[in-house]
């Protein structure tokens, strides 16, 4: 099987949607000798900040000399970004080999109970990390936690970054209901670290931890503003990233008896962390400053707005903005449009895109003084804005991935693999 054939097979699994439950993942993992039983994990859930926190944990433990696996989603450009060892993406040959290996087992399932794309990818990741003999795997949930495919592992620590309203149609329409789903990753006697807030899910997490006799550490903004993080020189911008860093540091300290890491090593790891597409600054060959951030829901948009005003208080940028129709796009426009003096609205390269013309009235209402224009594509918007000194690109992570590809900030794969991020839930 070639890499292109493997990607085609994975693309074909999208027809099975996304179904909550652990049975398929357990059964598939058992067919390949349950690789999760030979690995150690830190399991990370939460509404926002999961990926950044995972990247920080990976960087810290790699600085400590460990061989570290990293499993995250979605990918920005290439599917191989999802599965990394010491920040080296899985090779195309290994993807093809693992897909070919798992293909015969898929035929044992009925159409009604067929494994989903994410279930298959989860098991491929486990196989790769076990084969690579990882000392530790930083393991991000896909959606929720309790019934997420990743929840077949028993980790050294469970991390729940925060709780906010997102994916309500799948996880519940209150902070408490969403917290209950994400608290499903907590295991008996396994320490828990969270930055969830009182009245926004913390009570549910604390109750679950108490019932399971799991030591709970709660992080707040006071922890994020400490001297330790000042000394770490965190390269990721924004107060929200300092809070994510505080969660990562607390997790490392909670595991001190299992995996000791010196304080100077923690600081070194944080100072070297990289996480593309999140408040990422770049400079084009023509000298244009570009800031890319996947502010795809209300909390992340609010974090971007606060960080932008703090970091660039005198800047009124041009903004390229595109969102998905199933997001709260009116509130996203209310939050982000006031940042810019010129707004270029674009479609997202996704089946779920919101037509930019529909976004136009919301942006005009949110920022009546801005120049707002509808563009046919991201390429069109980049051409129109190429003389702007400062360009902010934000909205859907799918848009950020396309922008990073067009700006040559990430290598372009042989074919467009962003479609593998598309999913729909199936009961």
Protein backbone atom coordinates (compact mmCIF):
# COMPACT_ATOMS: atom_id res chain seq x y z
CA UNK A 1 0.00 0.00 0.00
CA UNK A 2 1.27 3.47 -0.87
CA UNK A 3 0.82 6.55 1.29
CA UNK A 4 -1.70 7.94 -1.22
CA UNK A 5 -3.70 4.70 -1.03
CA UNK A 6 -3.60 4.83 2.77
CA UNK A 7 -4.92 8.40 2.78
CA UNK A 8 -7.67 7.37 0.38
CA UNK A 9 -8.67 4.53 2.69
CA UNK A 10 -8.73 6.89 5.68
CA UNK A 11 -10.76 9.41 3.68
CA UNK A 12 -13.26 6.64 2.96
CA UNK A 13 -13.79 6.08 6.68
CA UNK A 14 -15.37 9.52 7.00
CA UNK A 15 -18.63 7.98 5.80
CA UNK A 16 -18.92 6.25 9.20
CA UNK A 17 -19.03 9.60 10.99
CA UNK A 18 -18.01 10.02 14.62
CA UNK A 19 -19.62 7.75 17.18
CA UNK A 20 -19.04 7.99 20.94
CA UNK A 21 -17.90 4.77 22.60
CA UNK A 22 -14.83 2.74 23.40
CA UNK A 23 -15.71 -0.78 22.22
CA UNK A 24 -14.41 -0.48 18.66
CA UNK A 25 -11.14 1.11 19.72
CA UNK A 26 -10.55 -1.55 22.37
CA UNK A 27 -11.33 -4.32 19.86
CA UNK A 28 -9.04 -2.86 17.19
CA UNK A 29 -6.25 -2.29 19.71
CA UNK A 30 -6.58 -5.91 20.88
CA UNK A 31 -6.12 -7.10 17.28
CA UNK A 32 -2.69 -5.42 17.24
CA UNK A 33 -1.67 -6.72 20.68
CA UNK A 34 -2.98 -3.83 22.80
CA UNK A 35 -0.01 -1.47 22.40
CA UNK A 36 -1.45 0.93 24.99
CA UNK A 37 -0.50 -1.57 27.70
CA UNK A 38 3.19 -1.01 26.91
CA UNK A 39 3.05 2.78 27.12
CA UNK A 40 2.76 5.55 29.70
CA UNK A 41 0.40 8.47 29.06
CA UNK A 42 -0.60 11.92 30.17
CA UNK A 43 -4.20 12.26 29.01
CA UNK A 44 -5.33 15.82 28.17
CA UNK A 45 -8.92 17.02 27.71
CA UNK A 46 -10.59 20.44 27.87
CA UNK A 47 -12.47 22.96 25.76
CA UNK A 48 -9.51 25.15 24.82
CA UNK A 49 -5.76 24.98 25.28
CA UNK A 50 -5.46 21.20 24.95
CA UNK A 51 -3.03 21.32 22.04
CA UNK A 52 -0.89 24.07 23.53
CA UNK A 53 -0.71 22.29 26.88
CA UNK A 54 0.22 19.05 25.12
CA UNK A 55 2.97 20.84 23.19
CA UNK A 56 4.35 22.29 26.43
CA UNK A 57 4.33 18.93 28.19
CA UNK A 58 6.03 17.31 25.20
CA UNK A 59 8.73 19.99 25.12
CA UNK A 60 9.41 19.73 28.86
CA UNK A 61 9.77 15.95 28.88
CA UNK A 62 11.85 15.96 25.70
CA UNK A 63 14.14 18.51 27.36
CA UNK A 64 14.44 16.00 30.21
CA UNK A 65 15.81 13.42 27.76
CA UNK A 66 12.70 11.28 27.30
CA UNK A 67 11.48 9.88 24.01
CA UNK A 68 8.05 11.50 23.83
CA UNK A 69 5.06 10.67 21.67
CA UNK A 70 2.54 13.40 20.85
CA UNK A 71 -0.99 12.70 19.62
CA UNK A 72 -3.14 15.71 18.69
CA UNK A 73 -5.91 16.74 16.32
CA UNK A 74 -6.90 18.30 14.02
CA UNK A 75 -3.89 18.68 11.75
CA UNK A 76 -3.17 21.95 9.99
CA UNK A 77 -1.80 20.71 6.65
CA UNK A 78 -0.56 17.11 6.76
CA UNK A 79 -2.20 14.14 8.45
CA UNK A 80 1.25 13.11 9.72
CA UNK A 81 1.24 16.10 12.13
CA UNK A 82 -1.19 14.20 14.36
CA UNK A 83 1.30 11.49 15.36
CA UNK A 84 4.79 12.63 16.34
CA UNK A 85 7.77 11.28 18.25
CA UNK A 86 10.17 13.88 19.59
CA UNK A 87 8.31 16.32 17.32
CA UNK A 88 9.10 14.29 14.21
CA UNK A 89 5.88 13.45 12.35
CA UNK A 90 5.19 9.82 11.53
CA UNK A 91 6.65 8.93 8.14
CA UNK A 92 4.42 8.39 5.12
CA UNK A 93 5.81 4.84 4.83
CA UNK A 94 4.77 4.07 8.40
CA UNK A 95 1.28 5.48 7.82
CA UNK A 96 0.90 3.22 4.78
CA UNK A 97 2.23 0.20 6.68
CA UNK A 98 -0.04 0.66 9.68
CA UNK A 99 -3.12 1.30 7.56
CA UNK A 100 -2.39 -1.85 5.55
CA UNK A 101 -1.93 -3.78 8.79
CA UNK A 102 -5.25 -2.68 10.23
CA UNK A 103 -7.29 -3.00 7.02
CA UNK A 104 -8.10 -6.75 7.36
CA UNK A 105 -9.44 -6.23 10.88
CA UNK A 106 -11.90 -3.60 9.67
CA UNK A 107 -13.67 -6.27 7.61
CA UNK A 108 -14.67 -8.05 10.81
CA UNK A 109 -17.10 -5.24 11.71
CA UNK A 110 -20.60 -4.78 10.39
CA UNK A 111 -21.42 -1.63 8.44
CA UNK A 112 -23.58 -0.42 11.33
CA UNK A 113 -20.75 -0.83 13.86
CA UNK A 114 -17.82 -0.05 11.56
CA UNK A 115 -14.88 1.77 13.18
CA UNK A 116 -14.73 5.49 12.51
CA UNK A 117 -11.79 7.42 11.14
CA UNK A 118 -10.76 8.67 14.58
CA UNK A 119 -10.97 5.19 16.10
CA UNK A 120 -8.64 3.84 13.42
CA UNK A 121 -6.23 6.76 13.73
CA UNK A 122 -6.13 6.31 17.51
CA UNK A 123 -5.01 2.69 17.15
CA UNK A 124 -2.45 3.60 14.46
CA UNK A 125 -0.98 6.14 16.86
CA UNK A 126 -0.75 3.54 19.64
CA UNK A 127 1.02 1.13 17.29
CA UNK A 128 3.52 3.78 16.24
CA UNK A 129 4.31 4.94 19.77
CA UNK A 130 4.79 1.37 20.99
CA UNK A 131 7.00 0.49 18.03
CA UNK A 132 9.05 3.64 18.62
CA UNK A 133 9.45 2.66 22.28
CA UNK A 134 8.28 6.00 23.61
CA UNK A 135 9.03 6.67 27.27
CA UNK A 136 5.91 8.81 27.57
CA UNK A 137 2.96 9.76 25.32
CA UNK A 138 1.16 13.09 25.54
CA UNK A 139 -2.33 11.99 24.56
CA UNK A 140 -4.99 14.54 23.55
CA UNK A 141 -8.68 13.69 23.42
CA UNK A 142 -10.57 14.22 20.20
CA UNK A 143 -14.00 15.25 21.50
CA UNK A 144 -15.17 15.20 25.09
CA UNK A 145 -13.44 12.50 27.08
CA UNK A 146 -15.68 9.88 28.69
CA UNK A 147 -16.58 8.18 25.40
CA UNK A 148 -13.66 9.47 23.34
CA UNK A 149 -11.56 6.81 21.61
CA UNK A 150 -8.46 7.94 23.48
CA UNK A 151 -10.05 6.94 26.79
CA UNK A 152 -9.00 3.29 26.53
CA UNK A 153 -5.74 4.18 28.33
CA UNK A 154 -4.95 4.47 32.03
CA UNK A 155 -2.63 7.47 32.29
CA UNK A 156 -0.09 8.63 34.84
CA UNK A 157 -2.04 11.90 35.08
CA UNK A 158 -5.29 13.32 33.74
CA UNK A 159 -5.39 16.97 32.63
CA UNK A 160 -8.54 19.01 31.98
CA UNK A 161 -7.44 22.43 30.79
CA UNK A 162 -10.79 24.22 31.16
CA UNK A 163 -14.51 23.92 30.55
CA UNK A 164 -16.52 26.17 28.26
CA UNK A 165 -19.43 25.93 25.85
CA UNK A 166 -18.42 24.27 22.59
CA UNK A 167 -19.71 21.22 20.71
CA UNK A 168 -22.89 21.52 22.79
CA UNK A 169 -24.82 19.33 20.37
CA UNK A 170 -22.58 16.41 21.32
CA UNK A 171 -21.40 17.16 24.87
CA UNK A 172 -24.33 18.98 26.48
CA UNK A 173 -25.61 22.52 26.75
CA UNK A 174 -24.28 23.48 30.20
CA UNK A 175 -20.85 23.75 31.77
CA UNK A 176 -21.79 20.96 34.16
CA UNK A 177 -22.79 18.53 31.41
CA UNK A 178 -19.66 19.25 29.39
CA UNK A 179 -17.50 18.91 32.51
CA UNK A 180 -19.04 15.52 33.23
CA UNK A 181 -18.00 14.29 29.77
CA UNK A 182 -14.47 15.60 30.10
CA UNK A 183 -14.13 14.35 33.68
CA UNK A 184 -14.68 10.89 32.23
CA UNK A 185 -10.92 10.67 31.61
CA UNK A 186 -10.26 10.70 35.37
CA UNK A 187 -9.16 7.26 36.58
CA UNK A 188 -9.13 5.85 40.13
CA UNK A 189 -6.11 7.05 42.08
CA UNK A 190 -4.64 8.95 39.12
CA UNK A 191 -3.78 12.62 39.83
CA UNK A 192 -5.81 15.32 38.07
CA UNK A 193 -4.76 18.85 37.11
CA UNK A 194 -7.24 21.45 35.87
CA UNK A 195 -7.68 25.17 35.27
CA UNK A 196 -11.47 24.86 35.26
CA UNK A 197 -13.20 27.64 37.20
CA UNK A 198 -15.85 27.64 39.93
CA UNK A 199 -19.29 27.75 38.34
CA UNK A 200 -17.82 26.61 35.02
CA UNK A 201 -17.30 22.90 35.58
CA UNK A 202 -14.81 22.81 38.43
CA UNK A 203 -17.35 21.42 40.89
CA UNK A 204 -18.10 18.44 38.65
CA UNK A 205 -14.40 17.71 38.15
CA UNK A 206 -13.69 18.02 41.88
CA UNK A 207 -16.58 15.70 42.75
CA UNK A 208 -15.42 13.08 40.22
CA UNK A 209 -11.84 13.28 41.52
CA UNK A 210 -13.05 12.86 45.11
CA UNK A 211 -15.19 9.85 44.23
CA UNK A 212 -12.25 8.19 42.48
CA UNK A 213 -9.73 9.09 45.20
CA UNK A 214 -7.70 11.11 42.67
CA UNK A 215 -5.57 13.97 43.97
CA UNK A 216 -6.80 17.21 42.36
CA UNK A 217 -4.64 20.26 41.64
CA UNK A 218 -6.51 23.42 40.58
CA UNK A 219 -4.63 26.13 38.69
CA UNK A 220 -5.73 29.77 38.37
CA UNK A 221 -4.40 33.05 37.00
CA UNK A 222 -2.30 33.64 40.12
CA UNK A 223 -0.28 30.56 39.17
CA UNK A 224 0.06 31.88 35.61
CA UNK A 225 1.53 35.19 36.85
CA UNK A 226 4.25 33.70 39.03
CA UNK A 227 7.97 34.38 38.80
CA UNK A 228 8.71 30.85 37.59
CA UNK A 229 6.94 31.42 34.28
CA UNK A 230 8.54 34.84 33.92
CA UNK A 231 11.92 33.15 34.03
CA UNK A 232 10.84 30.54 31.49
CA UNK A 233 10.46 33.10 28.66
CA UNK A 234 7.46 31.36 27.11
CA UNK A 235 7.49 31.97 23.33
CA UNK A 236 3.71 31.54 22.93
CA UNK A 237 1.93 34.88 23.25
CA UNK A 238 -0.99 35.71 25.52
CA UNK A 239 -2.10 35.38 29.12
CA UNK A 240 -4.08 32.27 28.19
CA UNK A 241 -0.84 30.54 27.18
CA UNK A 242 0.68 31.36 30.55
CA UNK A 243 -2.29 29.64 32.16
CA UNK A 244 -1.74 26.61 29.91
CA UNK A 245 1.93 26.66 30.93
CA UNK A 246 0.97 26.73 34.60
CA UNK A 247 -1.20 23.65 34.02
CA UNK A 248 1.69 21.87 32.28
CA UNK A 249 4.12 22.73 35.09
CA UNK A 250 1.67 21.53 37.75
CA UNK A 251 1.27 18.26 35.85
CA UNK A 252 5.02 17.69 35.71
CA UNK A 253 5.30 18.40 39.42
CA UNK A 254 2.39 16.05 40.19
CA UNK A 255 4.38 13.26 38.49
CA UNK A 256 7.66 14.06 40.23
CA UNK A 257 7.78 10.67 41.97
CA UNK A 258 7.28 8.83 38.66
CA UNK A 259 9.30 11.01 36.29
CA UNK A 260 11.51 13.53 38.11
CA UNK A 261 12.30 16.68 36.12
CA UNK A 262 14.56 19.45 37.40
CA UNK A 263 13.12 22.95 37.63
CA UNK A 264 15.68 24.34 35.19
CA UNK A 265 14.70 21.61 32.72
CA UNK A 266 11.03 22.59 33.00
CA UNK A 267 11.95 26.20 32.22
CA UNK A 268 14.15 25.11 29.32
CA UNK A 269 11.35 23.00 27.85
CA UNK A 270 8.85 25.84 28.10
CA UNK A 271 11.26 28.28 26.48
CA UNK A 272 11.56 26.05 23.40
CA UNK A 273 7.91 25.08 22.90
CA UNK A 274 6.42 25.41 19.43
CA UNK A 275 2.75 25.14 18.52
CA UNK A 276 1.93 26.32 14.99
CA UNK A 277 -1.16 28.34 14.21
CA UNK A 278 -1.76 29.65 17.72
CA UNK A 279 -0.76 33.31 18.06
CA UNK A 280 2.04 32.53 15.62
CA UNK A 281 4.01 35.48 14.26
CA UNK A 282 5.67 35.23 10.87
CA UNK A 283 7.30 37.59 8.41
CA UNK A 284 6.80 37.18 4.68
CA UNK A 285 9.68 37.61 2.18
CA UNK A 286 8.17 41.02 1.38
CA UNK A 287 8.48 42.11 5.01
CA UNK A 288 4.81 41.80 5.97
CA UNK A 289 4.10 40.79 9.57
CA UNK A 290 1.48 38.02 9.78
CA UNK A 291 -0.18 36.77 12.95
CA UNK A 292 -2.07 33.47 12.66
CA UNK A 293 -4.44 32.20 15.31
CA UNK A 294 -7.16 29.56 15.17
CA UNK A 295 -9.77 31.41 17.23
CA UNK A 296 -12.58 29.02 16.32
CA UNK A 297 -14.88 29.39 19.33
CA UNK A 298 -15.87 32.19 21.70
CA UNK A 299 -13.33 31.55 24.49
CA UNK A 300 -10.44 31.30 22.01
CA UNK A 301 -11.64 34.45 20.21
CA UNK A 302 -11.79 36.32 23.52
CA UNK A 303 -8.29 35.09 24.33
CA UNK A 304 -7.00 36.28 20.96
CA UNK A 305 -8.63 39.70 21.35
CA UNK A 306 -7.15 40.17 24.83
CA UNK A 307 -3.70 38.98 23.78
CA UNK A 308 -3.68 41.10 20.63
CA UNK A 309 -4.56 44.28 22.53
CA UNK A 310 -1.91 43.49 25.12
CA UNK A 311 0.86 42.60 22.66
CA UNK A 312 0.07 45.09 19.87
CA UNK A 313 -1.79 47.98 21.54
CA UNK A 314 -1.05 50.54 18.81
CA UNK A 315 -1.75 48.25 15.84
CA UNK A 316 -4.88 48.24 13.71
CA UNK A 317 -4.33 45.36 11.32
CA UNK A 318 -5.99 44.08 8.24
CA UNK A 319 -7.76 40.85 9.15
CA UNK A 320 -8.57 37.82 7.04
CA UNK A 321 -11.48 36.06 8.71
CA UNK A 322 -13.33 32.83 7.89
CA UNK A 323 -15.51 30.60 10.07
CA UNK A 324 -17.57 27.43 10.02
CA UNK A 325 -21.35 27.65 9.87
CA UNK A 326 -21.84 25.42 12.93
CA UNK A 327 -19.93 27.83 15.19
CA UNK A 328 -21.38 30.86 16.99
CA UNK A 329 -20.16 33.08 14.15
CA UNK A 330 -22.15 36.16 15.12
CA UNK A 331 -20.42 36.32 18.50
CA UNK A 332 -17.09 35.52 16.87
CA UNK A 333 -17.60 38.55 14.63
CA UNK A 334 -18.58 40.71 17.62
CA UNK A 335 -15.38 39.69 19.39
CA UNK A 336 -12.86 39.84 16.55
CA UNK A 337 -14.09 42.48 14.08
CA UNK A 338 -13.29 45.42 16.41
CA UNK A 339 -9.58 44.50 16.26
CA UNK A 340 -9.18 45.48 12.60
CA UNK A 341 -9.51 48.55 10.39
CA UNK A 342 -9.92 46.35 7.30
CA UNK A 343 -11.63 42.96 7.23
CA UNK A 344 -11.39 40.49 4.35
CA UNK A 345 -13.99 37.73 4.66
CA UNK A 346 -13.18 34.37 3.08
CA UNK A 347 -14.71 30.90 2.75
CA UNK A 348 -13.06 28.12 4.72
CA UNK A 349 -11.87 25.09 2.77
CA UNK A 350 -14.46 22.87 4.48
CA UNK A 351 -17.86 21.40 3.75
CA UNK A 352 -19.11 23.28 6.81
CA UNK A 353 -17.95 26.76 5.78
CA UNK A 354 -20.10 29.82 6.35
CA UNK A 355 -20.44 31.81 3.11
CA UNK A 356 -18.51 35.04 3.73
CA UNK A 357 -21.40 37.17 2.46
CA UNK A 358 -23.44 35.93 5.43
CA UNK A 359 -20.69 37.07 7.80
CA UNK A 360 -20.56 40.56 6.30
CA UNK A 361 -23.49 42.18 8.20
CA UNK A 362 -22.25 40.89 11.55
CA UNK A 363 -18.76 42.32 10.99
CA UNK A 364 -20.14 45.66 9.79
CA UNK A 365 -22.35 45.90 12.88
CA UNK A 366 -19.47 44.98 15.20
CA UNK A 367 -17.07 47.48 13.61
CA UNK A 368 -18.92 50.17 11.62
CA UNK A 369 -15.72 52.10 10.85
CA UNK A 370 -13.90 49.16 9.28
CA UNK A 371 -13.65 48.47 5.58
CA UNK A 372 -15.26 45.04 5.12
CA UNK A 373 -15.01 43.10 1.87
CA UNK A 374 -15.98 39.65 0.66
CA UNK A 375 -13.28 37.59 -1.10
CA UNK A 376 -13.68 34.58 -3.34
CA UNK A 377 -10.94 32.64 -1.59
CA UNK A 378 -8.05 32.87 0.83
CA UNK A 379 -5.70 33.25 -2.15
CA UNK A 380 -7.76 36.24 -3.30
CA UNK A 381 -7.62 37.80 0.18
CA UNK A 382 -3.86 37.29 0.46
CA UNK A 383 -3.38 39.02 -2.89
CA UNK A 384 -5.61 41.93 -1.91
CA UNK A 385 -3.81 42.40 1.43
CA UNK A 386 -0.19 41.83 0.38
CA UNK A 387 0.74 45.51 0.88
CA UNK A 388 -0.70 45.66 4.41
CA UNK A 389 2.10 46.02 7.00
CA UNK A 390 0.34 43.83 9.60
CA UNK A 391 -2.04 41.01 8.69
CA UNK A 392 -4.08 38.99 11.18
CA UNK A 393 -5.47 35.69 9.89
CA UNK A 394 -8.01 34.07 12.18
CA UNK A 395 -11.16 32.00 12.54
CA UNK A 396 -11.30 28.32 11.73
CA UNK A 397 -8.20 26.18 12.24
CA UNK A 398 -8.89 24.83 8.74
CA UNK A 399 -8.34 28.37 7.43
CA UNK A 400 -5.12 28.65 9.44
CA UNK A 401 -3.87 25.41 7.92
CA UNK A 402 -4.54 26.64 4.39
CA UNK A 403 -2.86 29.96 5.17
CA UNK A 404 0.23 28.26 6.58
CA UNK A 405 0.46 26.17 3.44
CA UNK A 406 0.07 29.17 1.12
CA UNK A 407 2.56 31.21 3.14
CA UNK A 408 4.97 28.24 3.07
CA UNK A 409 5.12 28.05 6.87
CA UNK A 410 4.42 24.31 6.73
CA UNK A 411 5.39 21.90 3.93
CA UNK A 412 2.66 21.05 1.46
CA UNK A 413 1.75 17.32 1.28
CA UNK A 414 1.33 15.58 -2.10
CA UNK A 415 -2.46 15.97 -1.89
CA UNK A 416 -4.90 18.06 0.12
CA UNK A 417 -5.25 16.17 3.41
CA UNK A 418 -7.30 18.73 5.35
CA UNK A 419 -10.46 16.82 4.42
CA UNK A 420 -9.46 14.23 7.01
CA UNK A 421 -10.42 16.82 9.65
CA UNK A 422 -14.06 16.73 8.53
CA UNK A 423 -16.46 14.71 10.62
CA UNK A 424 -20.11 14.42 11.58
CA UNK A 425 -21.54 12.65 14.60
CA UNK A 426 -23.54 9.47 14.15
CA UNK A 427 -25.82 8.09 16.82
